[in-house]
Amino acid sequence: MDPVTESQVQDVELWISNLEEEAEIEGFLDEFGEQQPFAFTYLLTLAESEDFNEDEGELLFFLGASVWKMMYQANTQLAPIDEATLEEVKSLNLPLLEDLEAAEEGTLESLAKDWLEGYPQREILLFVVESILEEDEFAIRDRNKGVMIVFLKTLIDCLNR
């Protein structure tokens, strides 16, 4: 898949920010669930896990849906993610989680910069990183920021195949 451009990311961000009615938001999430049922379930399962508080879960799920929309807008022929693909990509991203565990406090920005270097969907991952690191509306615990980024990077990697 061709890289999604900064302009395409911004267009989807604007579109999402203009969703005002509950029905519009539900329609967006329903479309995501219909187009990518396994990705939808993956994110919902993560969001509802005990590892994340309610704010973290909501942000993780909504950012994941936003990632899908950005990639779908750029390529309406996205293949649905399946379990085998997700498991393969999760195993490829496992070293990133290990890096997070070994990292000293306050080095997430440096790790994220490394992850962005040469990444095929850089603009989308940058959107995710900035959305999580600069979030001040939700109660996002520092220990979960990196994990959330890696889980969303996994989604991007799956959709980029």
Protein backbone atom coordinates (compact mmCIF):
# COMPACT_ATOMS: atom_id res chain seq x y z
CA MET A 1 0.00 0.00 0.00
CA ASP A 2 1.24 3.49 -0.78
CA PRO A 3 2.04 5.64 2.23
CA VAL A 4 -0.83 7.73 3.53
CA THR A 5 0.10 11.39 3.24
CA GLU A 6 0.03 14.04 5.94
CA SER A 7 -2.80 15.72 4.03
CA GLN A 8 -4.86 12.51 4.02
CA VAL A 9 -4.30 12.10 7.77
CA GLN A 10 -5.39 15.69 8.36
CA ASP A 11 -8.48 15.26 6.18
CA VAL A 12 -9.62 12.28 8.23
CA GLU A 13 -8.78 14.05 11.50
CA LEU A 14 -10.98 16.96 10.39
CA TRP A 15 -13.77 14.61 9.27
CA ILE A 16 -13.70 12.81 12.62
CA SER A 17 -13.60 16.05 14.60
CA ASN A 18 -16.77 17.14 12.77
CA LEU A 19 -18.72 14.08 13.90
CA GLU A 20 -21.16 15.68 16.30
CA GLU A 21 -24.18 13.47 16.58
CA GLU A 22 -24.04 10.17 18.43
CA ALA A 23 -25.54 8.52 15.35
CA GLU A 24 -22.67 9.81 13.18
CA ILE A 25 -20.09 8.38 15.56
CA GLU A 26 -21.97 5.08 15.79
CA GLY A 27 -22.19 4.94 11.99
CA PHE A 28 -18.43 5.47 11.72
CA LEU A 29 -17.72 2.72 14.27
CA ASP A 30 -20.31 0.38 12.70
CA GLU A 31 -18.63 0.82 9.31
CA PHE A 32 -15.28 0.00 10.90
CA GLY A 33 -16.76 -3.14 12.49
CA GLU A 34 -18.30 -4.25 9.20
CA GLN A 35 -15.16 -3.61 7.13
CA GLN A 36 -12.65 -4.96 9.66
CA PRO A 37 -14.44 -7.25 12.15
CA PHE A 38 -11.26 -8.88 13.46
CA ALA A 39 -9.49 -5.53 13.91
CA PHE A 40 -12.60 -4.17 15.64
CA THR A 41 -12.63 -7.14 18.04
CA TYR A 42 -8.86 -6.88 18.63
CA LEU A 43 -9.17 -3.23 19.66
CA LEU A 44 -12.30 -3.76 21.70
CA THR A 45 -10.68 -6.63 23.59
CA LEU A 46 -7.62 -4.51 24.33
CA ALA A 47 -9.72 -1.50 25.31
CA GLU A 48 -11.76 -3.55 27.78
CA SER A 49 -8.79 -5.37 29.30
CA GLU A 50 -7.78 -4.78 32.89
CA ASP A 51 -4.47 -3.33 31.70
CA PHE A 52 -6.14 -0.09 30.67
CA ASN A 53 -8.37 2.32 32.55
CA GLU A 54 -11.57 3.52 30.90
CA ASP A 55 -9.97 6.62 29.36
CA GLU A 56 -7.05 4.64 27.97
CA GLY A 57 -9.38 2.02 26.53
CA GLU A 58 -11.60 4.61 24.87
CA LEU A 59 -8.64 6.46 23.38
CA LEU A 60 -7.01 3.23 22.17
CA PHE A 61 -10.21 2.08 20.48
CA PHE A 62 -11.03 5.44 18.91
CA LEU A 63 -7.47 5.96 17.65
CA GLY A 64 -7.57 2.47 16.15
CA ALA A 65 -10.82 3.26 14.36
CA SER A 66 -9.25 6.52 13.15
CA VAL A 67 -6.20 4.63 11.84
CA TRP A 68 -8.51 2.30 9.91
CA LYS A 69 -10.42 5.27 8.42
CA MET A 70 -7.18 6.95 7.31
CA MET A 71 -5.98 3.82 5.58
CA TYR A 72 -9.42 3.04 4.16
CA GLN A 73 -9.73 6.54 2.68
CA ALA A 74 -6.38 6.01 0.95
CA ASN A 75 -7.23 2.49 -0.24
CA THR A 76 -10.86 1.37 -0.19
CA GLN A 77 -9.73 -2.15 -1.12
CA LEU A 78 -8.14 -2.91 2.26
CA ALA A 79 -8.15 -6.64 2.91
CA PRO A 80 -9.77 -7.63 6.18
CA ILE A 81 -7.30 -8.55 8.91
CA ASP A 82 -7.41 -12.18 10.02
CA GLU A 83 -6.12 -13.90 13.13
CA ALA A 84 -3.04 -15.36 11.42
CA THR A 85 -1.93 -11.94 10.18
CA LEU A 86 -2.51 -10.34 13.55
CA GLU A 87 -0.55 -13.04 15.40
CA GLU A 88 2.33 -12.79 12.93
CA VAL A 89 2.52 -9.01 13.21
CA LYS A 90 2.18 -9.11 17.01
CA SER A 91 5.20 -11.41 17.17
CA LEU A 92 7.16 -9.06 14.90
CA ASN A 93 6.36 -6.14 17.22
CA LEU A 94 7.16 -8.05 20.41
CA PRO A 95 10.72 -6.61 20.50
CA LEU A 96 9.21 -3.12 20.70
CA LEU A 97 7.34 -4.10 23.86
CA GLU A 98 10.57 -5.58 25.22
CA ASP A 99 12.34 -2.30 24.43
CA LEU A 100 9.67 -0.46 26.41
CA GLU A 101 10.15 -2.72 29.42
CA ALA A 102 13.92 -2.22 29.35
CA ALA A 103 13.77 1.52 28.70
CA GLU A 104 14.42 4.07 31.35
CA GLU A 105 11.65 6.39 32.39
CA GLY A 106 11.27 9.36 30.06
CA THR A 107 12.72 7.70 26.96
CA LEU A 108 9.45 6.95 25.17
CA GLU A 109 9.83 9.96 22.88
CA SER A 110 13.26 8.70 21.80
CA LEU A 111 11.93 5.18 21.17
CA ALA A 112 8.97 6.54 19.20
CA LYS A 113 11.34 8.63 17.08
CA ASP A 114 13.29 5.44 16.27
CA TRP A 115 10.06 3.62 15.37
CA LEU A 116 9.08 6.42 12.97
CA GLU A 117 12.42 6.34 11.16
CA GLY A 118 11.83 4.75 7.75
CA TYR A 119 8.37 3.48 8.75
CA PRO A 120 6.19 2.86 5.65
CA GLN A 121 3.11 4.54 7.16
CA ARG A 122 5.01 7.25 8.97
CA GLU A 123 2.25 9.89 8.92
CA ILE A 124 -0.28 7.55 10.50
CA LEU A 125 2.13 6.35 13.17
CA LEU A 126 3.11 9.98 13.82
CA PHE A 127 -0.59 10.78 14.29
CA VAL A 128 -0.84 7.93 16.84
CA VAL A 129 2.34 8.93 18.70
CA GLU A 130 1.36 12.59 18.90
CA SER A 131 -2.22 11.79 19.88
CA ILE A 132 -1.06 9.66 22.79
CA LEU A 133 1.94 11.67 23.97
CA GLU A 134 0.15 15.01 23.75
CA GLU A 135 -3.18 13.81 25.15
CA ASP A 136 -4.38 15.90 28.07
CA GLU A 137 -8.13 15.34 27.96
CA PHE A 138 -7.95 11.69 29.00
CA ALA A 139 -6.26 10.15 32.04
CA ILE A 140 -3.49 8.24 30.25
CA ARG A 141 -0.91 6.72 32.56
CA ASP A 142 2.70 7.08 31.42
CA ARG A 143 3.30 3.33 31.75
CA ASN A 144 0.61 2.61 29.14
CA LYS A 145 1.47 5.22 26.51
CA GLY A 146 4.17 3.16 24.81
CA VAL A 147 2.11 -0.02 24.96
CA MET A 148 -0.81 1.75 23.33
CA ILE A 149 1.46 3.02 20.55
CA VAL A 150 2.82 -0.49 19.90
CA PHE A 151 -0.69 -2.01 19.82
CA LEU A 152 -1.80 0.63 17.32
CA LYS A 153 1.39 0.16 15.28
CA THR A 154 0.44 -3.51 15.11
CA LEU A 155 -2.92 -2.52 13.64
CA ILE A 156 -1.22 -0.24 11.09
CA ASP A 157 1.18 -3.02 10.11
CA CYS A 158 -1.71 -5.43 9.60
CA LEU A 159 -3.70 -2.98 7.48
CA ASN A 160 -0.60 -2.07 5.46
CA ARG A 161 -0.19 -5.60 4.10
